[in-house]
C-alpha cells in the first residue's frame, strides 16, 4: 500500500511563533518531524508551509516542500491545497503529521494509513489512547473520543466522555477520586489519514455548528456524514510541542539520546 505524508509547518503559531524553526539538538524542529516521517514506509514525505523562512530551511536539509496560502483557516484546508498542487488522485491516501510532533513514531504513521486502506467505508482514520487519570478526562485541552463496536467514532469532544452518571451524580464528586472502572475513556491523538477525494469535498463545506462550538474540525466531517475510523495506537505517542515547557522537555530528551 502506498501513501504520502504531508507535514503542515505553520510559522505563525499563536503560542510559539516561529515554532517550526526552533532549535532542538542542533536541528530545526520541523527537520526532526520530517526525519521521523521518512522512517515510515511512506512513498513520499512533503512539508507544507506558508512562510518563506520555513520553506528555505526545509530545502536546506533536503526536504520536499510546498508553499501554501497563509489564509487557510484549518490544517485540512492547507492539506487540500497541497494534494491539488501535487496532482494526487482521489483514491490516494495521505497522512497528516503535525509539524510540532518531533517524536512521532513511524509505527503510528503506518498504522493510521493502513487502517484507512482497510476500511473502505471510512473517509478518515485516526488514533487514540486510553486515559487513566481524572485530570485528563476533565481537561478541555485533551480531546476525548467515543466509538462504536466496529471502531467508528461516535463523537469527539473537549468535555468528559462518557459521563458516568451514577458515580458523578453529586456535585463535586467527579473532581476527586479514581476514574470509574469499566468506562472507555479515550484521548484522541491528532494524526489523520485521508483519501484525497475527501479533502476536495471537505473544503467545499461551511464550518459546522459542532465544529464551531467545540473548535474541532473533524466534527465538520462527521456533521456531513463522513465516517471516522479510530483505533488505539499500537505504540506510545509522546506529546507534541505546544508550549515552552514542551519544547524544553523534547530538547532534554533528544539531547540525552544524542540525536
Foldseek 3Di string as FASTA:
>chain_A
DEAEEEEEDEQCFPFDHRQQQDDFLRGGLLVLVQVQQVVAPHPAYEYEYQDPVNVVSCVVVPHHYDHDHPPDPDPLLSVLVVCVVVVDDQQHKYKYDYSQQSQFHSQQRVVQRVVCVVDVQAQKEFEKAFDWALVLLAALVFKKWDADPVQWTPDIASHRPPDPCVQPVDPPSSVDDGDDPPGGTITTDPMMMGRSNVSVVLVVQDQDPVCVVRVDRVVSCVVVPGIYGYYHGPDDGDDGDDHPVRSVVSSVVCVVVSD
